[in-house]
Amino acid sequence: ELARYAAMLVEVAYEESPFDTDFDANLDKAYVPSEYKSTPP
């Protein structure tokens, strides 16, 4: 409980950068990996 409360008191200042989390908007950037974790097609 003390660790959780103390975590709320940690103050962080960020420098934000543009990010991409939109899957559909990035389909045109899809790529074939140099190595597959899975079975290659």
ModelCIF file with pLDDT and N, C-alpha, C, O atoms, coordinates in Angstrom:
data_MODEL
#
_entry.id   MODEL 
#
_entity.id                         1 
_entity.type                       polymer 
_entity.pdbx_number_of_molecules   1 
#
_entity_poly.entity_id                      1 
_entity_poly.type                           'polypeptide(L)' 
_entity_poly.nstd_linkage                   no 
_entity_poly.nstd_monomer                   no 
_entity_poly.pdbx_seq_one_letter_code       ELARYAAMLVEVAYEESPFDTDFDANLDKAYVPSEYKSTPP 
_entity_poly.pdbx_seq_one_letter_code_can   ELARYAAMLVEVAYEESPFDTDFDANLDKAYVPSEYKSTPP 
_entity_poly.pdbx_strand_id                 A 
#
loop_
_entity_poly_seq.entity_id 
_entity_poly_seq.num 
_entity_poly_seq.mon_id 
_entity_poly_seq.hetero 
1 1  GLU n 
1 2  LEU n 
1 3  ALA n 
1 4  ARG n 
1 5  TYR n 
1 6  ALA n 
1 7  ALA n 
1 8  MET n 
1 9  LEU n 
1 10 VAL n 
1 11 GLU n 
1 12 VAL n 
1 13 ALA n 
1 14 TYR n 
1 15 GLU n 
1 16 GLU n 
1 17 SER n 
1 18 PRO n 
1 19 PHE n 
1 20 ASP n 
1 21 THR n 
1 22 ASP n 
1 23 PHE n 
1 24 ASP n 
1 25 ALA n 
1 26 ASN n 
1 27 LEU n 
1 28 ASP n 
1 29 LYS n 
1 30 ALA n 
1 31 TYR n 
1 32 VAL n 
1 33 PRO n 
1 34 SER n 
1 35 GLU n 
1 36 TYR n 
1 37 LYS n 
1 38 SER n 
1 39 THR n 
1 40 PRO n 
1 41 PRO n 
#
_struct_asym.id          A 
_struct_asym.entity_id   1 
#
loop_
_ma_qa_metric.id 
_ma_qa_metric.mode 
_ma_qa_metric.name 
_ma_qa_metric.software_group_id 
_ma_qa_metric.type 
1 global pLDDT . pLDDT 
2 local  pLDDT . pLDDT 
#
_ma_qa_metric_global.metric_id      1 
_ma_qa_metric_global.metric_value   97.63 
_ma_qa_metric_global.model_id       1 
_ma_qa_metric_global.ordinal_id     1 
#
loop_
_ma_qa_metric_local.label_asym_id 
_ma_qa_metric_local.label_comp_id 
_ma_qa_metric_local.label_seq_id 
_ma_qa_metric_local.metric_id 
_ma_qa_metric_local.metric_value 
_ma_qa_metric_local.model_id 
_ma_qa_metric_local.ordinal_id 
A GLU 1  2 98.00 1 1  
A LEU 2  2 98.00 1 2  
A ALA 3  2 98.00 1 3  
A ARG 4  2 98.00 1 4  
A TYR 5  2 98.00 1 5  
A ALA 6  2 98.00 1 6  
A ALA 7  2 98.00 1 7  
A MET 8  2 98.00 1 8  
A LEU 9  2 98.00 1 9  
A VAL 10 2 98.00 1 10 
A GLU 11 2 98.00 1 11 
A VAL 12 2 98.00 1 12 
A ALA 13 2 98.00 1 13 
A TYR 14 2 98.00 1 14 
A GLU 15 2 98.00 1 15 
A GLU 16 2 98.00 1 16 
A SER 17 2 98.00 1 17 
A PRO 18 2 98.00 1 18 
A PHE 19 2 98.00 1 19 
A ASP 20 2 97.00 1 20 
A THR 21 2 98.00 1 21 
A ASP 22 2 98.00 1 22 
A PHE 23 2 98.00 1 23 
A ASP 24 2 98.00 1 24 
A ALA 25 2 98.00 1 25 
A ASN 26 2 98.00 1 26 
A LEU 27 2 98.00 1 27 
A ASP 28 2 98.00 1 28 
A LYS 29 2 98.00 1 29 
A ALA 30 2 98.00 1 30 
A TYR 31 2 98.00 1 31 
A VAL 32 2 98.00 1 32 
A PRO 33 2 98.00 1 33 
A SER 34 2 97.00 1 34 
A GLU 35 2 97.00 1 35 
A TYR 36 2 97.00 1 36 
A LYS 37 2 97.00 1 37 
A SER 38 2 95.00 1 38 
A THR 39 2 94.00 1 39 
A PRO 40 2 96.00 1 40 
A PRO 41 2 97.00 1 41 
#
loop_
_atom_site.group_PDB 
_atom_site.id 
_atom_site.type_symbol 
_atom_site.label_atom_id 
_atom_site.label_alt_id 
_atom_site.label_comp_id 
_atom_site.label_asym_id 
_atom_site.label_entity_id 
_atom_site.label_seq_id 
_atom_site.pdbx_PDB_ins_code 
_atom_site.Cartn_x 
_atom_site.Cartn_y 
_atom_site.Cartn_z 
_atom_site.occupancy 
_atom_site.B_iso_or_equiv 
_atom_site.pdbx_formal_charge 
_atom_site.auth_seq_id 
_atom_site.auth_comp_id 
_atom_site.auth_asym_id 
_atom_site.auth_atom_id 
_atom_site.pdbx_PDB_model_num 
ATOM 1   N N  . GLU A 1 1  ? 0.828  -1.212  0.000   1.00 98.00 ? 1  GLU A N  1 
ATOM 2   C CA . GLU A 1 1  ? 0.000  0.000   0.000   1.00 98.00 ? 1  GLU A CA 1 
ATOM 3   C C  . GLU A 1 1  ? 0.858  1.256   0.000   1.00 98.00 ? 1  GLU A C  1 
ATOM 4   O O  . GLU A 1 1  ? 0.547  2.231   -0.684  1.00 98.00 ? 1  GLU A O  1 
ATOM 5   N N  . LEU A 1 2  ? 1.946  1.224   0.777   1.00 98.00 ? 2  LEU A N  1 
ATOM 6   C CA . LEU A 1 2  ? 2.834  2.386   0.826   1.00 98.00 ? 2  LEU A CA 1 
ATOM 7   C C  . LEU A 1 2  ? 3.539  2.572   -0.514  1.00 98.00 ? 2  LEU A C  1 
ATOM 8   O O  . LEU A 1 2  ? 3.671  3.697   -0.997  1.00 98.00 ? 2  LEU A O  1 
ATOM 9   N N  . ALA A 1 3  ? 3.987  1.481   -1.110  1.00 98.00 ? 3  ALA A N  1 
ATOM 10  C CA . ALA A 1 3  ? 4.662  1.579   -2.414  1.00 98.00 ? 3  ALA A CA 1 
ATOM 11  C C  . ALA A 1 3  ? 3.704  2.139   -3.461  1.00 98.00 ? 3  ALA A C  1 
ATOM 12  O O  . ALA A 1 3  ? 4.091  2.973   -4.279  1.00 98.00 ? 3  ALA A O  1 
ATOM 13  N N  . ARG A 1 4  ? 2.456  1.680   -3.433  1.00 98.00 ? 4  ARG A N  1 
ATOM 14  C CA . ARG A 1 4  ? 1.464  2.161   -4.401  1.00 98.00 ? 4  ARG A CA 1 
ATOM 15  C C  . ARG A 1 4  ? 1.196  3.653   -4.197  1.00 98.00 ? 4  ARG A C  1 
ATOM 16  O O  . ARG A 1 4  ? 1.110  4.406   -5.167  1.00 98.00 ? 4  ARG A O  1 
ATOM 17  N N  . TYR A 1 5  ? 1.063  4.084   -2.932  1.00 98.00 ? 5  TYR A N  1 
ATOM 18  C CA . TYR A 1 5  ? 0.821  5.504   -2.666  1.00 98.00 ? 5  TYR A CA 1 
ATOM 19  C C  . TYR A 1 5  ? 2.032  6.346   -3.083  1.00 98.00 ? 5  TYR A C  1 
ATOM 20  O O  . TYR A 1 5  ? 1.881  7.409   -3.685  1.00 98.00 ? 5  TYR A O  1 
ATOM 21  N N  . ALA A 1 6  ? 3.226  5.861   -2.757  1.00 98.00 ? 6  ALA A N  1 
ATOM 22  C CA . ALA A 1 6  ? 4.434  6.618   -3.103  1.00 98.00 ? 6  ALA A CA 1 
ATOM 23  C C  . ALA A 1 6  ? 4.587  6.740   -4.613  1.00 98.00 ? 6  ALA A C  1 
ATOM 24  O O  . ALA A 1 6  ? 5.094  7.744   -5.113  1.00 98.00 ? 6  ALA A O  1 
ATOM 25  N N  . ALA A 1 7  ? 4.151  5.725   -5.330  1.00 98.00 ? 7  ALA A N  1 
ATOM 26  C CA . ALA A 1 7  ? 4.241  5.772   -6.796  1.00 98.00 ? 7  ALA A CA 1 
ATOM 27  C C  . ALA A 1 7  ? 3.414  6.922   -7.356  1.00 98.00 ? 7  ALA A C  1 
ATOM 28  O O  . ALA A 1 7  ? 3.767  7.501   -8.383  1.00 98.00 ? 7  ALA A O  1 
ATOM 29  N N  . MET A 1 8  ? 2.312  7.254   -6.681  1.00 98.00 ? 8  MET A N  1 
ATOM 30  C CA . MET A 1 8  ? 1.468  8.366   -7.128  1.00 98.00 ? 8  MET A CA 1 
ATOM 31  C C  . MET A 1 8  ? 2.178  9.708   -6.948  1.00 98.00 ? 8  MET A C  1 
ATOM 32  O O  . MET A 1 8  ? 1.792  10.699  -7.568  1.00 98.00 ? 8  MET A O  1 
ATOM 33  N N  . LEU A 1 9  ? 3.210  9.746   -6.108  1.00 98.00 ? 9  LEU A N  1 
ATOM 34  C CA . LEU A 1 9  ? 3.918  11.002  -5.821  1.00 98.00 ? 9  LEU A CA 1 
ATOM 35  C C  . LEU A 1 9  ? 5.120  11.229  -6.736  1.00 98.00 ? 9  LEU A C  1 
ATOM 36  O O  . LEU A 1 9  ? 5.741  12.291  -6.702  1.00 98.00 ? 9  LEU A O  1 
ATOM 37  N N  . VAL A 1 10 ? 5.441  10.229  -7.549  1.00 98.00 ? 10 VAL A N  1 
ATOM 38  C CA . VAL A 1 10 ? 6.559  10.393  -8.494  1.00 98.00 ? 10 VAL A CA 1 
ATOM 39  C C  . VAL A 1 10 ? 6.098  11.302  -9.633  1.00 98.00 ? 10 VAL A C  1 
ATOM 40  O O  . VAL A 1 10 ? 5.104  11.013  -10.299 1.00 98.00 ? 10 VAL A O  1 
ATOM 41  N N  . GLU A 1 11 ? 6.816  12.392  -9.854  1.00 98.00 ? 11 GLU A N  1 
ATOM 42  C CA . GLU A 1 11 ? 6.445  13.384  -10.859 1.00 98.00 ? 11 GLU A CA 1 
ATOM 43  C C  . GLU A 1 11 ? 7.353  13.252  -12.081 1.00 98.00 ? 11 GLU A C  1 
ATOM 44  O O  . GLU A 1 11 ? 8.579  13.296  -11.977 1.00 98.00 ? 11 GLU A O  1 
ATOM 45  N N  . VAL A 1 12 ? 6.723  13.091  -13.229 1.00 98.00 ? 12 VAL A N  1 
ATOM 46  C CA . VAL A 1 12 ? 7.475  12.855  -14.464 1.00 98.00 ? 12 VAL A CA 1 
ATOM 47  C C  . VAL A 1 12 ? 7.121  13.928  -15.489 1.00 98.00 ? 12 VAL A C  1 
ATOM 48  O O  . VAL A 1 12 ? 5.945  14.204  -15.723 1.00 98.00 ? 12 VAL A O  1 
ATOM 49  N N  . ALA A 1 13 ? 8.135  14.528  -16.095 1.00 98.00 ? 13 ALA A N  1 
ATOM 50  C CA . ALA A 1 13 ? 7.934  15.460  -17.207 1.00 98.00 ? 13 ALA A CA 1 
ATOM 51  C C  . ALA A 1 13 ? 8.414  14.775  -18.486 1.00 98.00 ? 13 ALA A C  1 
ATOM 52  O O  . ALA A 1 13 ? 9.496  14.189  -18.525 1.00 98.00 ? 13 ALA A O  1 
ATOM 53  N N  . TYR A 1 14 ? 7.587  14.861  -19.531 1.00 98.00 ? 14 TYR A N  1 
ATOM 54  C CA . TYR A 1 14 ? 7.874  14.150  -20.774 1.00 98.00 ? 14 TYR A CA 1 
ATOM 55  C C  . TYR A 1 14 ? 8.131  15.121  -21.924 1.00 98.00 ? 14 TYR A C  1 
ATOM 56  O O  . TYR A 1 14 ? 7.649  16.254  -21.926 1.00 98.00 ? 14 TYR A O  1 
ATOM 57  N N  . GLU A 1 15 ? 8.893  14.651  -22.890 1.00 98.00 ? 15 GLU A N  1 
ATOM 58  C CA . GLU A 1 15 ? 9.002  15.295  -24.196 1.00 98.00 ? 15 GLU A CA 1 
ATOM 59  C C  . GLU A 1 15 ? 8.329  14.347  -25.187 1.00 98.00 ? 15 GLU A C  1 
ATOM 60  O O  . GLU A 1 15 ? 8.918  13.337  -25.571 1.00 98.00 ? 15 GLU A O  1 
ATOM 61  N N  . GLU A 1 16 ? 7.117  14.658  -25.601 1.00 98.00 ? 16 GLU A N  1 
ATOM 62  C CA . GLU A 1 16 ? 6.343  13.740  -26.441 1.00 98.00 ? 16 GLU A CA 1 
ATOM 63  C C  . GLU A 1 16 ? 6.824  13.774  -27.889 1.00 98.00 ? 16 GLU A C  1 
ATOM 64  O O  . GLU A 1 16 ? 7.254  14.813  -28.388 1.00 98.00 ? 16 GLU A O  1 
ATOM 65  N N  . SER A 1 17 ? 6.746  12.639  -28.546 1.00 98.00 ? 17 SER A N  1 
ATOM 66  C CA . SER A 1 17 ? 7.075  12.504  -29.966 1.00 98.00 ? 17 SER A CA 1 
ATOM 67  C C  . SER A 1 17 ? 5.859  11.955  -30.700 1.00 98.00 ? 17 SER A C  1 
ATOM 68  O O  . SER A 1 17 ? 5.004  11.319  -30.084 1.00 98.00 ? 17 SER A O  1 
ATOM 69  N N  . PRO A 1 18 ? 5.765  12.192  -32.019 1.00 98.00 ? 18 PRO A N  1 
ATOM 70  C CA . PRO A 1 18 ? 4.656  11.594  -32.782 1.00 98.00 ? 18 PRO A CA 1 
ATOM 71  C C  . PRO A 1 18 ? 4.710  10.071  -32.675 1.00 98.00 ? 18 PRO A C  1 
ATOM 72  O O  . PRO A 1 18 ? 5.791  9.483   -32.623 1.00 98.00 ? 18 PRO A O  1 
ATOM 73  N N  . PHE A 1 19 ? 3.558  9.449   -32.642 1.00 98.00 ? 19 PHE A N  1 
ATOM 74  C CA . PHE A 1 19 ? 3.496  7.989   -32.536 1.00 98.00 ? 19 PHE A CA 1 
ATOM 75  C C  . PHE A 1 19 ? 2.484  7.446   -33.533 1.00 98.00 ? 19 PHE A C  1 
ATOM 76  O O  . PHE A 1 19 ? 1.595  8.156   -34.003 1.00 98.00 ? 19 PHE A O  1 
ATOM 77  N N  . ASP A 1 20 ? 2.648  6.163   -33.843 1.00 97.00 ? 20 ASP A N  1 
ATOM 78  C CA . ASP A 1 20 ? 1.743  5.445   -34.747 1.00 97.00 ? 20 ASP A CA 1 
ATOM 79  C C  . ASP A 1 20 ? 1.199  4.225   -34.029 1.00 97.00 ? 20 ASP A C  1 
ATOM 80  O O  . ASP A 1 20 ? 1.944  3.287   -33.747 1.00 97.00 ? 20 ASP A O  1 
ATOM 81  N N  . THR A 1 21 ? -0.093 4.226   -33.731 1.00 98.00 ? 21 THR A N  1 
ATOM 82  C CA . THR A 1 21 ? -0.735 3.022   -33.196 1.00 98.00 ? 21 THR A CA 1 
ATOM 83  C C  . THR A 1 21 ? -1.930 2.615   -34.054 1.00 98.00 ? 21 THR A C  1 
ATOM 84  O O  . THR A 1 21 ? -2.658 1.683   -33.713 1.00 98.00 ? 21 THR A O  1 
ATOM 85  N N  . ASP A 1 22 ? -2.126 3.314   -35.159 1.00 98.00 ? 22 ASP A N  1 
ATOM 86  C CA . ASP A 1 22 ? -3.288 3.064   -36.021 1.00 98.00 ? 22 ASP A CA 1 
ATOM 87  C C  . ASP A 1 22 ? -2.929 1.989   -37.050 1.00 98.00 ? 22 ASP A C  1 
ATOM 88  O O  . ASP A 1 22 ? -2.236 2.262   -38.031 1.00 98.00 ? 22 ASP A O  1 
ATOM 89  N N  . PHE A 1 23 ? -3.398 0.795   -36.817 1.00 98.00 ? 23 PHE A N  1 
ATOM 90  C CA . PHE A 1 23 ? -3.079 -0.348  -37.673 1.00 98.00 ? 23 PHE A CA 1 
ATOM 91  C C  . PHE A 1 23 ? -3.563 -0.119  -39.099 1.00 98.00 ? 23 PHE A C  1 
ATOM 92  O O  . PHE A 1 23 ? -2.795 -0.274  -40.049 1.00 98.00 ? 23 PHE A O  1 
ATOM 93  N N  . ASP A 1 24 ? -4.817 0.245   -39.252 1.00 98.00 ? 24 ASP A N  1 
ATOM 94  C CA . ASP A 1 24 ? -5.403 0.390   -40.583 1.00 98.00 ? 24 ASP A CA 1 
ATOM 95  C C  . ASP A 1 24 ? -4.700 1.476   -41.396 1.00 98.00 ? 24 ASP A C  1 
ATOM 96  O O  . ASP A 1 24 ? -4.522 1.339   -42.606 1.00 98.00 ? 24 ASP A O  1 
ATOM 97  N N  . ALA A 1 25 ? -4.299 2.563   -40.718 1.00 98.00 ? 25 ALA A N  1 
ATOM 98  C CA . ALA A 1 25 ? -3.664 3.673   -41.424 1.00 98.00 ? 25 ALA A CA 1 
ATOM 99  C C  . ALA A 1 25 ? -2.245 3.342   -41.877 1.00 98.00 ? 25 ALA A C  1 
ATOM 100 O O  . ALA A 1 25 ? -1.669 4.053   -42.700 1.00 98.00 ? 25 ALA A O  1 
ATOM 101 N N  . ASN A 1 26 ? -1.682 2.255   -41.335 1.00 98.00 ? 26 ASN A N  1 
ATOM 102 C CA . ASN A 1 26 ? -0.301 1.909   -41.660 1.00 98.00 ? 26 ASN A CA 1 
ATOM 103 C C  . ASN A 1 26 ? -0.165 0.635   -42.488 1.00 98.00 ? 26 ASN A C  1 
ATOM 104 O O  . ASN A 1 26 ? 0.937  0.107   -42.636 1.00 98.00 ? 26 ASN A O  1 
ATOM 105 N N  . LEU A 1 27 ? -1.266 0.144   -43.024 1.00 98.00 ? 27 LEU A N  1 
ATOM 106 C CA . LEU A 1 27 ? -1.214 -1.075  -43.835 1.00 98.00 ? 27 LEU A CA 1 
ATOM 107 C C  . LEU A 1 27 ? -0.307 -0.918  -45.050 1.00 98.00 ? 27 LEU A C  1 
ATOM 108 O O  . LEU A 1 27 ? 0.329  -1.876  -45.489 1.00 98.00 ? 27 LEU A O  1 
ATOM 109 N N  . ASP A 1 28 ? -0.253 0.314   -45.596 1.00 98.00 ? 28 ASP A N  1 
ATOM 110 C CA . ASP A 1 28 ? 0.585  0.520   -46.778 1.00 98.00 ? 28 ASP A CA 1 
ATOM 111 C C  . ASP A 1 28 ? 2.077  0.442   -46.447 1.00 98.00 ? 28 ASP A C  1 
ATOM 112 O O  . ASP A 1 28 ? 2.916  0.399   -47.347 1.00 98.00 ? 28 ASP A O  1 
ATOM 113 N N  . LYS A 1 29 ? 2.406  0.426   -45.141 1.00 98.00 ? 29 LYS A N  1 
ATOM 114 C CA . LYS A 1 29 ? 3.807  0.308   -44.721 1.00 98.00 ? 29 LYS A CA 1 
ATOM 115 C C  . LYS A 1 29 ? 4.156  -1.125  -44.290 1.00 98.00 ? 29 LYS A C  1 
ATOM 116 O O  . LYS A 1 29 ? 5.240  -1.372  -43.763 1.00 98.00 ? 29 LYS A O  1 
ATOM 117 N N  . ALA A 1 30 ? 3.242  -2.051  -44.515 1.00 98.00 ? 30 ALA A N  1 
ATOM 118 C CA . ALA A 1 30 ? 3.487  -3.445  -44.133 1.00 98.00 ? 30 ALA A CA 1 
ATOM 119 C C  . ALA A 1 30 ? 4.719  -3.982  -44.856 1.00 98.00 ? 30 ALA A C  1 
ATOM 120 O O  . ALA A 1 30 ? 4.982  -3.627  -46.005 1.00 98.00 ? 30 ALA A O  1 
ATOM 121 N N  . TYR A 1 31 ? 5.466  -4.839  -44.172 1.00 98.00 ? 31 TYR A N  1 
ATOM 122 C CA . TYR A 1 31 ? 6.722  -5.338  -44.728 1.00 98.00 ? 31 TYR A CA 1 
ATOM 123 C C  . TYR A 1 31 ? 6.879  -6.830  -44.438 1.00 98.00 ? 31 TYR A C  1 
ATOM 124 O O  . TYR A 1 31 ? 6.268  -7.378  -43.521 1.00 98.00 ? 31 TYR A O  1 
ATOM 125 N N  . VAL A 1 32 ? 7.706  -7.451  -45.241 1.00 98.00 ? 32 VAL A N  1 
ATOM 126 C CA . VAL A 1 32 ? 8.082  -8.843  -45.007 1.00 98.00 ? 32 VAL A CA 1 
ATOM 127 C C  . VAL A 1 32 ? 9.307  -8.832  -44.097 1.00 98.00 ? 32 VAL A C  1 
ATOM 128 O O  . VAL A 1 32 ? 10.330 -8.257  -44.468 1.00 98.00 ? 32 VAL A O  1 
ATOM 129 N N  . PRO A 1 33 ? 9.235  -9.450  -42.913 1.00 98.00 ? 33 PRO A N  1 
ATOM 130 C CA . PRO A 1 33 ? 10.387 -9.409  -42.006 1.00 98.00 ? 33 PRO A CA 1 
ATOM 131 C C  . PRO A 1 33 ? 11.562 -10.194 -42.569 1.00 98.00 ? 33 PRO A C  1 
ATOM 132 O O  . PRO A 1 33 ? 11.378 -11.126 -43.352 1.00 98.00 ? 33 PRO A O  1 
ATOM 133 N N  . SER A 1 34 ? 12.752 -9.819  -42.172 1.00 97.00 ? 34 SER A N  1 
ATOM 134 C CA . SER A 1 34 ? 13.939 -10.552 -42.630 1.00 97.00 ? 34 SER A CA 1 
ATOM 135 C C  . SER A 1 34 ? 13.985 -11.942 -42.022 1.00 97.00 ? 34 SER A C  1 
ATOM 136 O O  . SER A 1 34 ? 14.626 -12.847 -42.557 1.00 97.00 ? 34 SER A O  1 
ATOM 137 N N  . GLU A 1 35 ? 13.291 -12.103 -40.884 1.00 97.00 ? 35 GLU A N  1 
ATOM 138 C CA . GLU A 1 35 ? 13.220 -13.408 -40.221 1.00 97.00 ? 35 GLU A CA 1 
ATOM 139 C C  . GLU A 1 35 ? 11.865 -13.523 -39.536 1.00 97.00 ? 35 GLU A C  1 
ATOM 140 O O  . GLU A 1 35 ? 11.424 -12.593 -38.860 1.00 97.00 ? 35 GLU A O  1 
ATOM 141 N N  . TYR A 1 36 ? 11.216 -14.649 -39.709 1.00 97.00 ? 36 TYR A N  1 
ATOM 142 C CA . TYR A 1 36 ? 9.923  -14.884 -39.062 1.00 97.00 ? 36 TYR A CA 1 
ATOM 143 C C  . TYR A 1 36 ? 10.128 -15.614 -37.741 1.00 97.00 ? 36 TYR A C  1 
ATOM 144 O O  . TYR A 1 36 ? 10.964 -16.512 -37.649 1.00 97.00 ? 36 TYR A O  1 
ATOM 145 N N  . LYS A 1 37 ? 9.366  -15.231 -36.718 1.00 97.00 ? 37 LYS A N  1 
ATOM 146 C CA . LYS A 1 37 ? 9.311  -16.037 -35.495 1.00 97.00 ? 37 LYS A CA 1 
ATOM 147 C C  . LYS A 1 37 ? 8.556  -17.328 -35.775 1.00 97.00 ? 37 LYS A C  1 
ATOM 148 O O  . LYS A 1 37 ? 8.871  -18.381 -35.222 1.00 97.00 ? 37 LYS A O  1 
ATOM 149 N N  . SER A 1 38 ? 7.553  -17.228 -36.643 1.00 95.00 ? 38 SER A N  1 
ATOM 150 C CA . SER A 1 38 ? 6.704  -18.349 -37.002 1.00 95.00 ? 38 SER A CA 1 
ATOM 151 C C  . SER A 1 38 ? 7.265  -19.075 -38.223 1.00 95.00 ? 38 SER A C  1 
ATOM 152 O O  . SER A 1 38 ? 8.377  -18.789 -38.667 1.00 95.00 ? 38 SER A O  1 
ATOM 153 N N  . THR A 1 39 ? 6.494  -20.009 -38.758 1.00 94.00 ? 39 THR A N  1 
ATOM 154 C CA . THR A 1 39 ? 6.848  -20.685 -40.003 1.00 94.00 ? 39 THR A CA 1 
ATOM 155 C C  . THR A 1 39 ? 6.716  -19.697 -41.160 1.00 94.00 ? 39 THR A C  1 
ATOM 156 O O  . THR A 1 39 ? 5.646  -19.110 -41.321 1.00 94.00 ? 39 THR A O  1 
ATOM 157 N N  . PRO A 1 40 ? 7.744  -19.489 -41.965 1.00 96.00 ? 40 PRO A N  1 
ATOM 158 C CA . PRO A 1 40 ? 7.603  -18.580 -43.113 1.00 96.00 ? 40 PRO A CA 1 
ATOM 159 C C  . PRO A 1 40 ? 6.525  -19.098 -44.066 1.00 96.00 ? 40 PRO A C  1 
ATOM 160 O O  . PRO A 1 40 ? 6.348  -20.310 -44.188 1.00 96.00 ? 40 PRO A O  1 
ATOM 161 N N  . PRO A 1 41 ? 5.808  -18.206 -44.738 1.00 97.00 ? 41 PRO A N  1 
ATOM 162 C CA . PRO A 1 41 ? 4.801  -18.675 -45.703 1.00 97.00 ? 41 PRO A CA 1 
ATOM 163 C C  . PRO A 1 41 ? 5.436  -19.564 -46.765 1.00 97.00 ? 41 PRO A C  1 
ATOM 164 O O  . PRO A 1 41 ? 4.743  -20.049 -47.659 1.00 97.00 ? 41 PRO A O  1 
#
